[in-house]
Amino acid sequence: MALTALDMVAAAKQQIKEIDAATAQSQLGSSLILDVREPAEFAAAHLPGAVNIPRGVLEFKIDSHPDFQGKQQTAILVYCQTGGRSALATHALNQLGYAQAVSMAGGFKVWAESGLPLG
């Protein structure tokens, strides 16, 4: 039986750490912030200090991006629009050795609805 995208997200969420928006806000100064949305989404609004590497190219670009080179043991906060892409991205990052990557549950949508600061 083939998996759906939602099945893949649910499986990823069982293997990663997720944090809520308030906890994510407390990590802004101490974590790298990774936005895995598309460039147009990022351009419209993003978290303060975020770096944009779209989910579709993450595995190919993360190691060569200057902000992430050699930072496998650094805390990374990953987010997308609603939490699905960031769950998949966090799972992939964990597999690539970025052991401190966490996903923000609810994504940018929850962040913005909470009135938290934007970058």
N, C-alpha and C. Protein backbone atom coordinates (compact mmCIF):
# COMPACT_ATOMS: atom_id res chain seq x y z
N MET A 1 0.84 -1.18 0.00
CA MET A 1 0.00 0.00 0.00
C MET A 1 0.89 1.25 0.00
N ALA A 2 0.57 2.16 -0.87
CA ALA A 2 1.34 3.41 -0.98
C ALA A 2 1.00 4.34 0.17
N LEU A 3 2.00 5.11 0.60
CA LEU A 3 1.80 6.12 1.63
C LEU A 3 1.32 7.42 1.02
N THR A 4 0.58 8.19 1.78
CA THR A 4 0.21 9.54 1.37
C THR A 4 1.21 10.51 2.00
N ALA A 5 1.17 11.75 1.55
CA ALA A 5 2.03 12.78 2.15
C ALA A 5 1.72 12.92 3.64
N LEU A 6 0.44 12.85 4.00
CA LEU A 6 0.07 12.96 5.41
C LEU A 6 0.60 11.79 6.23
N ASP A 7 0.64 10.59 5.63
CA ASP A 7 1.22 9.43 6.30
C ASP A 7 2.70 9.67 6.57
N MET A 8 3.38 10.24 5.58
CA MET A 8 4.81 10.50 5.73
C MET A 8 5.07 11.55 6.81
N VAL A 9 4.24 12.58 6.86
CA VAL A 9 4.38 13.61 7.89
C VAL A 9 4.13 13.00 9.27
N ALA A 10 3.08 12.19 9.40
CA ALA A 10 2.77 11.55 10.68
C ALA A 10 3.92 10.66 11.14
N ALA A 11 4.51 9.91 10.22
CA ALA A 11 5.64 9.05 10.57
C ALA A 11 6.85 9.88 10.99
N ALA A 12 7.10 10.97 10.28
CA ALA A 12 8.23 11.84 10.63
C ALA A 12 8.03 12.44 12.02
N LYS A 13 6.81 12.87 12.32
CA LYS A 13 6.54 13.49 13.62
C LYS A 13 6.75 12.53 14.79
N GLN A 14 6.66 11.23 14.53
CA GLN A 14 6.92 10.25 15.58
C GLN A 14 8.41 10.10 15.86
N GLN A 15 9.25 10.60 14.95
CA GLN A 15 10.69 10.40 15.07
C GLN A 15 11.47 11.68 15.34
N ILE A 16 10.79 12.80 15.43
CA ILE A 16 11.47 14.09 15.63
C ILE A 16 10.96 14.76 16.89
N LYS A 17 11.59 15.86 17.24
CA LYS A 17 11.12 16.69 18.34
C LYS A 17 10.40 17.90 17.74
N GLU A 18 9.21 18.18 18.27
CA GLU A 18 8.46 19.37 17.88
C GLU A 18 8.35 20.28 19.09
N ILE A 19 8.37 21.57 18.84
CA ILE A 19 8.18 22.55 19.91
C ILE A 19 7.09 23.53 19.49
N ASP A 20 6.46 24.17 20.48
CA ASP A 20 5.42 25.14 20.15
C ASP A 20 6.04 26.50 19.84
N ALA A 21 5.20 27.43 19.39
CA ALA A 21 5.69 28.74 18.96
C ALA A 21 6.32 29.52 20.10
N ALA A 22 5.76 29.43 21.30
CA ALA A 22 6.33 30.16 22.44
C ALA A 22 7.73 29.66 22.77
N THR A 23 7.92 28.35 22.74
CA THR A 23 9.24 27.77 22.98
C THR A 23 10.19 28.17 21.85
N ALA A 24 9.67 28.17 20.63
CA ALA A 24 10.49 28.58 19.48
C ALA A 24 10.96 30.02 19.65
N GLN A 25 10.07 30.90 20.11
CA GLN A 25 10.45 32.30 20.30
C GLN A 25 11.59 32.42 21.30
N SER A 26 11.57 31.59 22.33
CA SER A 26 12.62 31.65 23.35
C SER A 26 13.97 31.18 22.80
N GLN A 27 13.97 30.48 21.67
CA GLN A 27 15.20 29.96 21.08
C GLN A 27 15.76 30.86 19.98
N LEU A 28 15.09 31.97 19.68
CA LEU A 28 15.53 32.82 18.56
C LEU A 28 16.98 33.26 18.66
N GLY A 29 17.45 33.59 19.82
CA GLY A 29 18.82 34.07 19.94
C GLY A 29 19.87 32.98 20.02
N SER A 30 19.44 31.75 20.27
CA SER A 30 20.41 30.69 20.50
C SER A 30 20.38 29.57 19.46
N SER A 31 19.47 29.63 18.51
CA SER A 31 19.35 28.59 17.48
C SER A 31 19.49 29.21 16.10
N LEU A 32 19.94 28.40 15.16
CA LEU A 32 19.83 28.78 13.76
C LEU A 32 18.36 28.61 13.37
N ILE A 33 17.82 29.51 12.58
CA ILE A 33 16.42 29.46 12.19
C ILE A 33 16.36 29.12 10.71
N LEU A 34 15.70 28.02 10.38
CA LEU A 34 15.62 27.53 9.01
C LEU A 34 14.18 27.51 8.53
N ASP A 35 13.90 28.31 7.52
CA ASP A 35 12.59 28.39 6.87
C ASP A 35 12.65 27.51 5.64
N VAL A 36 11.84 26.45 5.60
CA VAL A 36 11.87 25.52 4.46
C VAL A 36 10.73 25.77 3.47
N ARG A 37 10.09 26.94 3.58
CA ARG A 37 9.04 27.30 2.63
C ARG A 37 9.68 27.74 1.31
N GLU A 38 8.84 28.00 0.34
CA GLU A 38 9.31 28.46 -0.96
C GLU A 38 9.77 29.92 -0.87
N PRO A 39 10.66 30.35 -1.75
CA PRO A 39 11.18 31.73 -1.68
C PRO A 39 10.11 32.82 -1.64
N ALA A 40 9.03 32.66 -2.38
CA ALA A 40 7.97 33.69 -2.37
C ALA A 40 7.29 33.76 -1.00
N GLU A 41 7.10 32.62 -0.34
CA GLU A 41 6.53 32.61 1.01
C GLU A 41 7.46 33.32 1.98
N PHE A 42 8.75 33.02 1.86
CA PHE A 42 9.76 33.64 2.71
C PHE A 42 9.80 35.14 2.49
N ALA A 43 9.76 35.58 1.24
CA ALA A 43 9.83 37.00 0.92
C ALA A 43 8.65 37.77 1.51
N ALA A 44 7.50 37.14 1.58
CA ALA A 44 6.30 37.80 2.11
C ALA A 44 6.44 38.09 3.60
N ALA A 45 6.99 37.17 4.35
CA ALA A 45 7.22 37.34 5.79
C ALA A 45 7.91 36.10 6.33
N HIS A 46 8.72 36.28 7.36
CA HIS A 46 9.45 35.16 7.95
C HIS A 46 9.83 35.49 9.39
N LEU A 47 10.34 34.49 10.10
CA LEU A 47 10.79 34.69 11.47
C LEU A 47 12.07 35.51 11.47
N PRO A 48 12.32 36.28 12.53
CA PRO A 48 13.55 37.07 12.63
C PRO A 48 14.79 36.18 12.53
N GLY A 49 15.71 36.58 11.67
CA GLY A 49 16.97 35.87 11.53
C GLY A 49 16.91 34.58 10.74
N ALA A 50 15.79 34.30 10.11
CA ALA A 50 15.64 33.03 9.39
C ALA A 50 16.45 33.00 8.11
N VAL A 51 16.89 31.80 7.76
CA VAL A 51 17.56 31.51 6.50
C VAL A 51 16.60 30.64 5.70
N ASN A 52 16.44 30.93 4.42
CA ASN A 52 15.52 30.18 3.57
C ASN A 52 16.26 29.16 2.72
N ILE A 53 15.95 27.88 2.95
CA ILE A 53 16.37 26.80 2.06
C ILE A 53 15.11 25.97 1.85
N PRO A 54 14.49 26.04 0.66
CA PRO A 54 13.24 25.33 0.43
C PRO A 54 13.36 23.82 0.67
N ARG A 55 12.29 23.22 1.15
CA ARG A 55 12.26 21.80 1.46
C ARG A 55 12.72 20.94 0.29
N GLY A 56 12.34 21.31 -0.91
CA GLY A 56 12.66 20.50 -2.08
C GLY A 56 14.14 20.36 -2.40
N VAL A 57 14.96 21.28 -1.89
CA VAL A 57 16.40 21.22 -2.16
C VAL A 57 17.23 21.12 -0.89
N LEU A 58 16.59 20.94 0.23
CA LEU A 58 17.27 20.99 1.52
C LEU A 58 18.46 20.03 1.62
N GLU A 59 18.24 18.77 1.29
CA GLU A 59 19.31 17.79 1.45
C GLU A 59 20.52 18.11 0.57
N PHE A 60 20.29 18.79 -0.54
CA PHE A 60 21.37 19.11 -1.46
C PHE A 60 22.10 20.40 -1.10
N LYS A 61 21.45 21.30 -0.38
CA LYS A 61 22.03 22.62 -0.13
C LYS A 61 22.48 22.87 1.30
N ILE A 62 21.99 22.11 2.26
CA ILE A 62 22.26 22.42 3.67
C ILE A 62 23.76 22.39 3.99
N ASP A 63 24.46 21.39 3.52
CA ASP A 63 25.89 21.27 3.87
C ASP A 63 26.76 22.34 3.22
N SER A 64 26.30 22.91 2.11
CA SER A 64 27.11 23.93 1.45
C SER A 64 26.71 25.35 1.82
N HIS A 65 25.63 25.50 2.58
CA HIS A 65 25.22 26.85 2.98
C HIS A 65 26.13 27.32 4.11
N PRO A 66 26.71 28.52 3.99
CA PRO A 66 27.68 28.99 4.99
C PRO A 66 27.14 29.05 6.43
N ASP A 67 25.85 29.30 6.60
CA ASP A 67 25.29 29.37 7.95
C ASP A 67 25.19 28.00 8.62
N PHE A 68 25.24 26.92 7.82
CA PHE A 68 25.03 25.58 8.37
C PHE A 68 26.25 24.67 8.25
N GLN A 69 27.28 25.10 7.54
CA GLN A 69 28.48 24.27 7.37
C GLN A 69 29.11 23.96 8.72
N GLY A 70 29.35 22.69 8.95
CA GLY A 70 30.01 22.27 10.18
C GLY A 70 29.19 22.49 11.45
N LYS A 71 27.89 22.68 11.33
CA LYS A 71 27.05 23.00 12.49
C LYS A 71 26.09 21.86 12.83
N GLN A 72 26.54 20.61 12.63
CA GLN A 72 25.68 19.47 12.90
C GLN A 72 25.24 19.38 14.36
N GLN A 73 26.01 19.95 15.28
CA GLN A 73 25.66 19.88 16.70
C GLN A 73 25.02 21.17 17.22
N THR A 74 24.68 22.09 16.32
CA THR A 74 24.06 23.35 16.69
C THR A 74 22.54 23.21 16.67
N ALA A 75 21.86 23.87 17.59
CA ALA A 75 20.40 23.85 17.61
C ALA A 75 19.86 24.54 16.36
N ILE A 76 18.92 23.89 15.70
CA ILE A 76 18.29 24.44 14.50
C ILE A 76 16.78 24.36 14.68
N LEU A 77 16.13 25.51 14.55
CA LEU A 77 14.67 25.57 14.58
C LEU A 77 14.18 25.58 13.14
N VAL A 78 13.39 24.59 12.77
CA VAL A 78 12.90 24.43 11.40
C VAL A 78 11.41 24.75 11.38
N TYR A 79 10.99 25.55 10.39
CA TYR A 79 9.56 25.81 10.26
C TYR A 79 9.16 25.93 8.80
N CYS A 80 7.86 25.73 8.57
CA CYS A 80 7.26 25.93 7.25
C CYS A 80 5.95 26.68 7.47
N GLN A 81 4.97 26.50 6.62
CA GLN A 81 3.72 27.24 6.78
C GLN A 81 2.84 26.66 7.88
N THR A 82 2.68 25.31 7.90
CA THR A 82 1.78 24.70 8.88
C THR A 82 2.40 23.56 9.68
N GLY A 83 3.60 23.16 9.37
CA GLY A 83 4.29 22.14 10.15
C GLY A 83 4.57 20.83 9.45
N GLY A 84 3.99 20.60 8.28
CA GLY A 84 4.23 19.35 7.56
C GLY A 84 5.60 19.29 6.91
N ARG A 85 5.93 20.29 6.12
CA ARG A 85 7.25 20.31 5.46
C ARG A 85 8.37 20.38 6.48
N SER A 86 8.14 21.12 7.57
CA SER A 86 9.20 21.23 8.57
C SER A 86 9.41 19.90 9.30
N ALA A 87 8.35 19.12 9.48
CA ALA A 87 8.51 17.80 10.09
C ALA A 87 9.35 16.90 9.19
N LEU A 88 9.03 16.89 7.90
CA LEU A 88 9.81 16.10 6.95
C LEU A 88 11.25 16.59 6.86
N ALA A 89 11.42 17.92 6.86
CA ALA A 89 12.76 18.50 6.79
C ALA A 89 13.57 18.18 8.04
N THR A 90 12.95 18.26 9.20
CA THR A 90 13.65 17.95 10.45
C THR A 90 14.07 16.50 10.47
N HIS A 91 13.20 15.62 10.02
CA HIS A 91 13.56 14.20 9.95
C HIS A 91 14.76 13.99 9.02
N ALA A 92 14.74 14.66 7.87
CA ALA A 92 15.87 14.55 6.93
C ALA A 92 17.15 15.11 7.55
N LEU A 93 17.05 16.26 8.22
CA LEU A 93 18.22 16.85 8.86
C LEU A 93 18.79 15.92 9.93
N ASN A 94 17.92 15.31 10.71
CA ASN A 94 18.39 14.36 11.73
C ASN A 94 19.16 13.22 11.06
N GLN A 95 18.64 12.73 9.94
CA GLN A 95 19.31 11.65 9.22
C GLN A 95 20.66 12.10 8.66
N LEU A 96 20.77 13.38 8.33
CA LEU A 96 22.02 13.93 7.80
C LEU A 96 23.02 14.29 8.90
N GLY A 97 22.65 14.06 10.15
CA GLY A 97 23.56 14.32 11.26
C GLY A 97 23.31 15.60 12.01
N TYR A 98 22.30 16.37 11.63
CA TYR A 98 21.94 17.58 12.36
C TYR A 98 21.03 17.17 13.53
N ALA A 99 21.67 16.68 14.58
CA ALA A 99 20.97 16.02 15.68
C ALA A 99 20.14 16.96 16.53
N GLN A 100 20.41 18.26 16.48
CA GLN A 100 19.71 19.22 17.33
C GLN A 100 18.60 19.97 16.59
N ALA A 101 18.20 19.49 15.42
CA ALA A 101 17.13 20.13 14.66
C ALA A 101 15.78 19.79 15.28
N VAL A 102 14.93 20.80 15.42
CA VAL A 102 13.56 20.61 15.93
C VAL A 102 12.60 21.33 15.00
N SER A 103 11.38 20.86 14.95
CA SER A 103 10.35 21.43 14.10
C SER A 103 9.38 22.25 14.94
N MET A 104 8.94 23.38 14.39
CA MET A 104 7.95 24.20 15.09
C MET A 104 6.55 23.73 14.71
N ALA A 105 5.83 23.19 15.68
CA ALA A 105 4.47 22.70 15.45
C ALA A 105 3.56 23.84 15.02
N GLY A 106 2.77 23.60 14.00
CA GLY A 106 1.84 24.61 13.51
C GLY A 106 2.44 25.60 12.56
N GLY A 107 3.76 25.68 12.51
CA GLY A 107 4.47 26.50 11.54
C GLY A 107 4.25 27.99 11.64
N PHE A 108 4.57 28.66 10.53
CA PHE A 108 4.49 30.11 10.46
C PHE A 108 3.07 30.61 10.73
N LYS A 109 2.10 29.84 10.32
CA LYS A 109 0.70 30.24 10.52
C LYS A 109 0.41 30.48 12.00
N VAL A 110 0.81 29.55 12.86
CA VAL A 110 0.59 29.70 14.30
C VAL A 110 1.41 30.85 14.84
N TRP A 111 2.64 30.99 14.38
CA TRP A 111 3.52 32.10 14.80
C TRP A 111 2.84 33.44 14.51
N ALA A 112 2.41 33.62 13.28
CA ALA A 112 1.80 34.90 12.87
C ALA A 112 0.48 35.15 13.61
N GLU A 113 -0.33 34.11 13.77
CA GLU A 113 -1.60 34.27 14.47
C GLU A 113 -1.41 34.60 15.95
N SER A 114 -0.26 34.23 16.50
CA SER A 114 0.05 34.51 17.89
C SER A 114 0.55 35.93 18.10
N GLY A 115 0.78 36.64 16.99
CA GLY A 115 1.27 38.01 17.08
C GLY A 115 2.74 38.11 17.44
N LEU A 116 3.50 37.04 17.22
CA LEU A 116 4.93 37.05 17.53
C LEU A 116 5.67 37.86 16.46
N PRO A 117 6.87 38.35 16.78
CA PRO A 117 7.58 39.25 15.85
C PRO A 117 7.99 38.58 14.55
N LEU A 118 8.00 39.36 13.47
CA LEU A 118 8.41 38.87 12.16
C LEU A 118 9.72 39.51 11.77
N GLY A 119 10.43 38.85 10.88
CA GLY A 119 11.71 39.37 10.40
C GLY A 119 11.56 40.22 9.19
